[in-house]
PDB file of all heavy atoms in Angstrom:
ATOM      1  N   MET A   1     -95.806 -57.337 -66.425  1.00  0.00           N
ATOM      2  CA  MET A   1     -95.624 -57.245 -67.853  1.00  0.00           C
ATOM      3  C   MET A   1     -96.150 -55.899 -68.404  1.00  0.00           C
ATOM      4  O   MET A   1     -95.468 -55.487 -69.389  1.00  0.00           O
ATOM      5  CB  MET A   1     -96.424 -58.423 -68.515  1.00  0.00           C
ATOM      6  CG  MET A   1     -96.150 -58.570 -70.014  1.00  0.00           C
ATOM      7  SD  MET A   1     -94.372 -58.976 -70.327  1.00  0.00           S
ATOM      8  CE  MET A   1     -94.376 -60.662 -69.890  1.00  0.00           C
ATOM      9  N   ILE A   2     -97.025 -55.281 -67.756  1.00  0.00           N
ATOM     10  CA  ILE A   2     -97.505 -53.991 -68.211  1.00  0.00           C
ATOM     11  C   ILE A   2     -96.362 -52.978 -68.042  1.00  0.00           C
ATOM     12  O   ILE A   2     -96.019 -52.141 -68.963  1.00  0.00           O
ATOM     13  CB  ILE A   2     -98.724 -53.573 -67.475  1.00  0.00           C
ATOM     14  CG1 ILE A   2     -99.931 -54.438 -67.853  1.00  0.00           C
ATOM     15  CG2 ILE A   2     -98.977 -52.115 -67.646  1.00  0.00           C
ATOM     16  CD1 ILE A   2    -101.185 -54.125 -66.954  1.00  0.00           C
ATOM     17  N   ILE A   3     -95.699 -52.984 -66.868  1.00  0.00           N
ATOM     18  CA  ILE A   3     -94.595 -52.070 -66.495  1.00  0.00           C
ATOM     19  C   ILE A   3     -93.438 -52.331 -67.538  1.00  0.00           C
ATOM     20  O   ILE A   3     -92.859 -51.410 -68.023  1.00  0.00           O
ATOM     21  CB  ILE A   3     -94.203 -52.200 -65.061  1.00  0.00           C
ATOM     22  CG1 ILE A   3     -95.329 -51.762 -64.165  1.00  0.00           C
ATOM     23  CG2 ILE A   3     -92.981 -51.404 -64.849  1.00  0.00           C
ATOM     24  CD1 ILE A   3     -95.034 -52.116 -62.685  1.00  0.00           C
ATOM     25  N   VAL A   4     -93.180 -53.694 -67.635  1.00  0.00           N
ATOM     26  CA  VAL A   4     -92.028 -53.981 -68.570  1.00  0.00           C
ATOM     27  C   VAL A   4     -92.271 -53.524 -70.002  1.00  0.00           C
ATOM     28  O   VAL A   4     -91.435 -53.064 -70.640  1.00  0.00           O
ATOM     29  CB  VAL A   4     -91.781 -55.526 -68.549  1.00  0.00           C
ATOM     30  CG1 VAL A   4     -90.747 -55.981 -69.605  1.00  0.00           C
ATOM     31  CG2 VAL A   4     -91.273 -55.910 -67.132  1.00  0.00           C
ATOM     32  N   SER A   5     -93.478 -53.739 -70.561  1.00  0.00           N
ATOM     33  CA  SER A   5     -93.869 -53.355 -71.851  1.00  0.00           C
ATOM     34  C   SER A   5     -93.747 -51.829 -72.103  1.00  0.00           C
ATOM     35  O   SER A   5     -93.192 -51.397 -73.089  1.00  0.00           O
ATOM     36  CB  SER A   5     -95.333 -53.814 -72.176  1.00  0.00           C
ATOM     37  OG  SER A   5     -95.437 -55.208 -72.074  1.00  0.00           O
ATOM     38  N   PHE A   6     -94.153 -51.044 -71.061  1.00  0.00           N
ATOM     39  CA  PHE A   6     -94.037 -49.630 -71.244  1.00  0.00           C
ATOM     40  C   PHE A   6     -92.558 -49.189 -71.286  1.00  0.00           C
ATOM     41  O   PHE A   6     -92.157 -48.339 -72.094  1.00  0.00           O
ATOM     42  CB  PHE A   6     -94.840 -48.947 -70.120  1.00  0.00           C
ATOM     43  CG  PHE A   6     -94.661 -47.387 -70.148  1.00  0.00           C
ATOM     44  CD1 PHE A   6     -95.529 -46.726 -71.078  1.00  0.00           C
ATOM     45  CD2 PHE A   6     -93.850 -46.733 -69.314  1.00  0.00           C
ATOM     46  CE1 PHE A   6     -95.416 -45.338 -71.101  1.00  0.00           C
ATOM     47  CE2 PHE A   6     -93.773 -45.372 -69.383  1.00  0.00           C
ATOM     48  CZ  PHE A   6     -94.472 -44.641 -70.367  1.00  0.00           C
ATOM     49  N   VAL A   7     -91.815 -49.722 -70.414  1.00  0.00           N
ATOM     50  CA  VAL A   7     -90.356 -49.433 -70.330  1.00  0.00           C
ATOM     51  C   VAL A   7     -89.714 -49.787 -71.609  1.00  0.00           C
ATOM     52  O   VAL A   7     -88.894 -49.106 -72.184  1.00  0.00           O
ATOM     53  CB  VAL A   7     -89.702 -50.155 -69.204  1.00  0.00           C
ATOM     54  CG1 VAL A   7     -88.159 -50.013 -69.180  1.00  0.00           C
ATOM     55  CG2 VAL A   7     -90.243 -49.612 -67.799  1.00  0.00           C
ATOM     56  N   PHE A   8     -90.056 -51.079 -72.194  1.00  0.00           N
ATOM     57  CA  PHE A   8     -89.563 -51.472 -73.425  1.00  0.00           C
ATOM     58  C   PHE A   8     -89.911 -50.577 -74.523  1.00  0.00           C
ATOM     59  O   PHE A   8     -89.027 -50.344 -75.516  1.00  0.00           O
ATOM     60  CB  PHE A   8     -90.067 -52.964 -73.669  1.00  0.00           C
ATOM     61  CG  PHE A   8     -89.212 -53.661 -74.747  1.00  0.00           C
ATOM     62  CD1 PHE A   8     -87.894 -54.055 -74.433  1.00  0.00           C
ATOM     63  CD2 PHE A   8     -89.797 -53.967 -75.961  1.00  0.00           C
ATOM     64  CE1 PHE A   8     -87.137 -54.748 -75.471  1.00  0.00           C
ATOM     65  CE2 PHE A   8     -88.993 -54.579 -76.818  1.00  0.00           C
ATOM     66  CZ  PHE A   8     -87.692 -54.976 -76.711  1.00  0.00           C
ATOM     67  N   SER A   9     -91.078 -50.200 -74.688  1.00  0.00           N
ATOM     68  CA  SER A   9     -91.470 -49.284 -75.718  1.00  0.00           C
ATOM     69  C   SER A   9     -90.711 -47.915 -75.640  1.00  0.00           C
ATOM     70  O   SER A   9     -90.363 -47.378 -76.669  1.00  0.00           O
ATOM     71  CB  SER A   9     -93.043 -48.983 -75.685  1.00  0.00           C
ATOM     72  OG  SER A   9     -93.337 -48.223 -74.434  1.00  0.00           O
ATOM     73  N   THR A  10     -90.483 -47.450 -74.402  1.00  0.00           N
ATOM     74  CA  THR A  10     -89.675 -46.324 -74.259  1.00  0.00           C
ATOM     75  C   THR A  10     -88.255 -46.468 -74.697  1.00  0.00           C
ATOM     76  O   THR A  10     -87.631 -45.588 -75.380  1.00  0.00           O
ATOM     77  CB  THR A  10     -89.641 -45.879 -72.778  1.00  0.00           C
ATOM     78  OG1 THR A  10     -91.026 -45.676 -72.347  1.00  0.00           O
ATOM     79  CG2 THR A  10     -88.946 -44.481 -72.635  1.00  0.00           C
ATOM     80  N   LEU A  11     -87.722 -47.645 -74.388  1.00  0.00           N
ATOM     81  CA  LEU A  11     -86.269 -47.974 -74.903  1.00  0.00           C
ATOM     82  C   LEU A  11     -86.176 -48.117 -76.292  1.00  0.00           C
ATOM     83  O   LEU A  11     -85.238 -47.668 -76.962  1.00  0.00           O
ATOM     84  CB  LEU A  11     -85.932 -49.388 -74.248  1.00  0.00           C
ATOM     85  CG  LEU A  11     -85.524 -49.316 -72.721  1.00  0.00           C
ATOM     86  CD1 LEU A  11     -85.218 -50.762 -72.245  1.00  0.00           C
ATOM     87  CD2 LEU A  11     -84.421 -48.374 -72.461  1.00  0.00           C
ATOM     88  N   VAL A  12     -87.308 -48.558 -77.007  1.00  0.00           N
ATOM     89  CA  VAL A  12     -87.347 -48.637 -78.542  1.00  0.00           C
ATOM     90  C   VAL A  12     -87.230 -47.170 -79.079  1.00  0.00           C
ATOM     91  O   VAL A  12     -86.531 -46.910 -80.035  1.00  0.00           O
ATOM     92  CB  VAL A  12     -88.681 -49.258 -78.862  1.00  0.00           C
ATOM     93  CG1 VAL A  12     -88.903 -49.051 -80.398  1.00  0.00           C
ATOM     94  CG2 VAL A  12     -88.598 -50.732 -78.699  1.00  0.00           C
ATOM     95  N   GLY A  13     -87.986 -46.310 -78.449  1.00  0.00           N
ATOM     96  CA  GLY A  13     -87.844 -44.862 -78.782  1.00  0.00           C
ATOM     97  C   GLY A  13     -86.545 -44.301 -78.647  1.00  0.00           C
ATOM     98  O   GLY A  13     -85.962 -43.574 -79.532  1.00  0.00           O
ATOM     99  N   ILE A  14     -85.746 -44.692 -77.580  1.00  0.00           N
ATOM    100  CA  ILE A  14     -84.396 -44.223 -77.392  1.00  0.00           C
ATOM    101  C   ILE A  14     -83.489 -44.806 -78.358  1.00  0.00           C
ATOM    102  O   ILE A  14     -82.645 -44.061 -78.975  1.00  0.00           O
ATOM    103  CB  ILE A  14     -83.944 -44.569 -75.886  1.00  0.00           C
ATOM    104  CG1 ILE A  14     -84.751 -43.791 -74.964  1.00  0.00           C
ATOM    105  CG2 ILE A  14     -82.477 -44.124 -75.724  1.00  0.00           C
ATOM    106  CD1 ILE A  14     -84.524 -44.112 -73.464  1.00  0.00           C
ATOM    107  N   ILE A  15     -83.537 -46.080 -78.592  1.00  0.00           N
ATOM    108  CA  ILE A  15     -82.620 -46.861 -79.415  1.00  0.00           C
ATOM    109  C   ILE A  15     -82.723 -46.331 -80.837  1.00  0.00           C
ATOM    110  O   ILE A  15     -81.811 -46.095 -81.612  1.00  0.00           O
ATOM    111  CB  ILE A  15     -82.804 -48.393 -79.328  1.00  0.00           C
ATOM    112  CG1 ILE A  15     -82.359 -48.813 -77.866  1.00  0.00           C
ATOM    113  CG2 ILE A  15     -82.005 -49.105 -80.209  1.00  0.00           C
ATOM    114  CD1 ILE A  15     -82.840 -50.271 -77.490  1.00  0.00           C
ATOM    115  N   PHE A  16     -83.979 -46.347 -81.371  1.00  0.00           N
ATOM    116  CA  PHE A  16     -84.236 -46.179 -82.694  1.00  0.00           C
ATOM    117  C   PHE A  16     -84.272 -44.635 -83.053  1.00  0.00           C
ATOM    118  O   PHE A  16     -84.320 -44.308 -84.125  1.00  0.00           O
ATOM    119  CB  PHE A  16     -85.488 -46.827 -83.242  1.00  0.00           C
ATOM    120  CG  PHE A  16     -85.265 -48.382 -83.371  1.00  0.00           C
ATOM    121  CD1 PHE A  16     -85.605 -49.170 -82.308  1.00  0.00           C
ATOM    122  CD2 PHE A  16     -84.755 -48.934 -84.464  1.00  0.00           C
ATOM    123  CE1 PHE A  16     -85.466 -50.575 -82.353  1.00  0.00           C
ATOM    124  CE2 PHE A  16     -84.572 -50.257 -84.600  1.00  0.00           C
ATOM    125  CZ  PHE A  16     -84.944 -51.028 -83.671  1.00  0.00           C
ATOM    126  N   GLY A  17     -84.407 -43.789 -82.043  1.00  0.00           N
ATOM    127  CA  GLY A  17     -84.413 -42.315 -82.263  1.00  0.00           C
ATOM    128  C   GLY A  17     -83.082 -41.705 -82.076  1.00  0.00           C
ATOM    129  O   GLY A  17     -82.888 -40.514 -82.424  1.00  0.00           O
ATOM    130  N   LEU A  18     -82.141 -42.489 -81.538  1.00  0.00           N
ATOM    131  CA  LEU A  18     -80.796 -41.891 -81.236  1.00  0.00           C
ATOM    132  C   LEU A  18     -80.023 -41.523 -82.515  1.00  0.00           C
ATOM    133  O   LEU A  18     -79.352 -40.539 -82.584  1.00  0.00           O
ATOM    134  CB  LEU A  18     -79.931 -42.928 -80.431  1.00  0.00           C
ATOM    135  CG  LEU A  18     -78.758 -42.390 -79.820  1.00  0.00           C
ATOM    136  CD1 LEU A  18     -79.003 -41.288 -78.858  1.00  0.00           C
ATOM    137  CD2 LEU A  18     -77.966 -43.540 -79.085  1.00  0.00           C
ATOM    138  N   TYR A  19     -80.040 -42.335 -83.569  1.00  0.00           N
ATOM    139  CA  TYR A  19     -79.355 -42.142 -84.799  1.00  0.00           C
ATOM    140  C   TYR A  19     -79.903 -40.793 -85.465  1.00  0.00           C
ATOM    141  O   TYR A  19     -79.148 -39.964 -85.924  1.00  0.00           O
ATOM    142  CB  TYR A  19     -79.387 -43.379 -85.658  1.00  0.00           C
ATOM    143  CG  TYR A  19     -78.818 -43.135 -87.128  1.00  0.00           C
ATOM    144  CD1 TYR A  19     -77.429 -42.799 -87.227  1.00  0.00           C
ATOM    145  CD2 TYR A  19     -79.681 -42.985 -88.208  1.00  0.00           C
ATOM    146  CE1 TYR A  19     -76.922 -42.574 -88.539  1.00  0.00           C
ATOM    147  CE2 TYR A  19     -79.160 -42.673 -89.466  1.00  0.00           C
ATOM    148  CZ  TYR A  19     -77.729 -42.501 -89.625  1.00  0.00           C
ATOM    149  OH  TYR A  19     -77.269 -42.198 -90.853  1.00  0.00           O
ATOM    150  N   PRO A  20     -81.173 -40.791 -85.672  1.00  0.00           N
ATOM    151  CA  PRO A  20     -81.805 -39.583 -86.338  1.00  0.00           C
ATOM    152  C   PRO A  20     -81.496 -38.324 -85.509  1.00  0.00           C
ATOM    153  O   PRO A  20     -81.163 -37.216 -86.042  1.00  0.00           O
ATOM    154  CB  PRO A  20     -83.334 -39.792 -86.377  1.00  0.00           C
ATOM    155  CG  PRO A  20     -83.412 -41.210 -86.384  1.00  0.00           C
ATOM    156  CD  PRO A  20     -82.319 -41.825 -85.462  1.00  0.00           C
ATOM    157  N   ALA A  21     -81.623 -38.454 -84.114  1.00  0.00           N
ATOM    158  CA  ALA A  21     -81.269 -37.253 -83.315  1.00  0.00           C
ATOM    159  C   ALA A  21     -79.792 -36.862 -83.400  1.00  0.00           C
ATOM    160  O   ALA A  21     -79.509 -35.559 -83.631  1.00  0.00           O
ATOM    161  CB  ALA A  21     -81.599 -37.560 -81.880  1.00  0.00           C
ATOM    162  N   ARG A  22     -78.910 -37.783 -83.449  1.00  0.00           N
ATOM    163  CA  ARG A  22     -77.526 -37.363 -83.587  1.00  0.00           C
ATOM    164  C   ARG A  22     -77.204 -36.843 -85.055  1.00  0.00           C
ATOM    165  O   ARG A  22     -76.318 -35.980 -85.181  1.00  0.00           O
ATOM    166  CB  ARG A  22     -76.604 -38.623 -83.374  1.00  0.00           C
ATOM    167  CG  ARG A  22     -76.511 -39.049 -81.873  1.00  0.00           C
ATOM    168  CD  ARG A  22     -75.556 -40.093 -81.582  1.00  0.00           C
ATOM    169  NE  ARG A  22     -75.369 -40.314 -80.252  1.00  0.00           N
ATOM    170  CZ  ARG A  22     -74.646 -41.194 -79.652  1.00  0.00           C
ATOM    171  NH1 ARG A  22     -73.921 -42.095 -80.512  1.00  0.00           N
ATOM    172  NH2 ARG A  22     -74.509 -41.311 -78.416  1.00  0.00           N
ATOM    173  N   ARG A  23     -77.922 -37.394 -85.990  1.00  0.00           N
ATOM    174  CA  ARG A  23     -77.683 -36.864 -87.395  1.00  0.00           C
ATOM    175  C   ARG A  23     -78.071 -35.453 -87.483  1.00  0.00           C
ATOM    176  O   ARG A  23     -77.496 -34.547 -88.119  1.00  0.00           O
ATOM    177  CB  ARG A  23     -78.513 -37.753 -88.359  1.00  0.00           C
ATOM    178  CG  ARG A  23     -78.255 -37.301 -89.833  1.00  0.00           C
ATOM    179  CD  ARG A  23     -78.912 -38.298 -90.742  1.00  0.00           C
ATOM    180  NE  ARG A  23     -78.762 -37.842 -92.104  1.00  0.00           N
ATOM    181  CZ  ARG A  23     -79.210 -38.592 -93.167  1.00  0.00           C
ATOM    182  NH1 ARG A  23     -79.679 -39.745 -93.028  1.00  0.00           N
ATOM    183  NH2 ARG A  23     -78.960 -38.121 -94.439  1.00  0.00           N
ATOM    184  N   ALA A  24     -79.232 -35.110 -86.752  1.00  0.00           N
ATOM    185  CA  ALA A  24     -79.722 -33.718 -86.716  1.00  0.00           C
ATOM    186  C   ALA A  24     -78.762 -32.763 -86.004  1.00  0.00           C
ATOM    187  O   ALA A  24     -78.455 -31.691 -86.471  1.00  0.00           O
ATOM    188  CB  ALA A  24     -81.081 -33.671 -86.094  1.00  0.00           C
ATOM    189  N   ALA A  25     -78.227 -33.347 -84.891  1.00  0.00           N
ATOM    190  CA  ALA A  25     -77.362 -32.562 -84.054  1.00  0.00           C
ATOM    191  C   ALA A  25     -76.011 -32.180 -84.868  1.00  0.00           C
ATOM    192  O   ALA A  25     -75.341 -31.167 -84.525  1.00  0.00           O
ATOM    193  CB  ALA A  25     -77.014 -33.219 -82.787  1.00  0.00           C
ATOM    194  N   ARG A  26     -75.571 -33.145 -85.759  1.00  0.00           N
ATOM    195  CA  ARG A  26     -74.268 -32.960 -86.449  1.00  0.00           C
ATOM    196  C   ARG A  26     -74.363 -32.183 -87.782  1.00  0.00           C
ATOM    197  O   ARG A  26     -73.430 -32.131 -88.458  1.00  0.00           O
ATOM    198  CB  ARG A  26     -73.687 -34.358 -86.716  1.00  0.00           C
ATOM    199  CG  ARG A  26     -73.246 -35.032 -85.465  1.00  0.00           C
ATOM    200  CD  ARG A  26     -72.851 -36.410 -85.639  1.00  0.00           C
ATOM    201  NE  ARG A  26     -72.504 -37.088 -84.382  1.00  0.00           N
ATOM    202  CZ  ARG A  26     -72.277 -38.387 -84.335  1.00  0.00           C
ATOM    203  NH1 ARG A  26     -72.352 -39.231 -85.286  1.00  0.00           N
ATOM    204  NH2 ARG A  26     -71.948 -38.928 -83.096  1.00  0.00           N
ATOM    205  N   LEU A  27     -75.536 -31.735 -88.040  1.00  0.00           N
ATOM    206  CA  LEU A  27     -75.666 -30.916 -89.354  1.00  0.00           C
ATOM    207  C   LEU A  27     -74.880 -29.675 -89.207  1.00  0.00           C
ATOM    208  O   LEU A  27     -74.907 -29.006 -88.123  1.00  0.00           O
ATOM    209  CB  LEU A  27     -77.124 -30.511 -89.552  1.00  0.00           C
ATOM    210  CG  LEU A  27     -77.993 -31.688 -90.117  1.00  0.00           C
ATOM    211  CD1 LEU A  27     -79.533 -31.197 -90.231  1.00  0.00           C
ATOM    212  CD2 LEU A  27     -77.543 -32.169 -91.524  1.00  0.00           C
TER     213      LEU A  27
END
């Protein structure tokens, strides 16, 4: 569960950080 939790928190960063990152790239 420790490993899964760390991976999941990283995925949250990818999923919820993707839209702002793409918005910045398309300026």
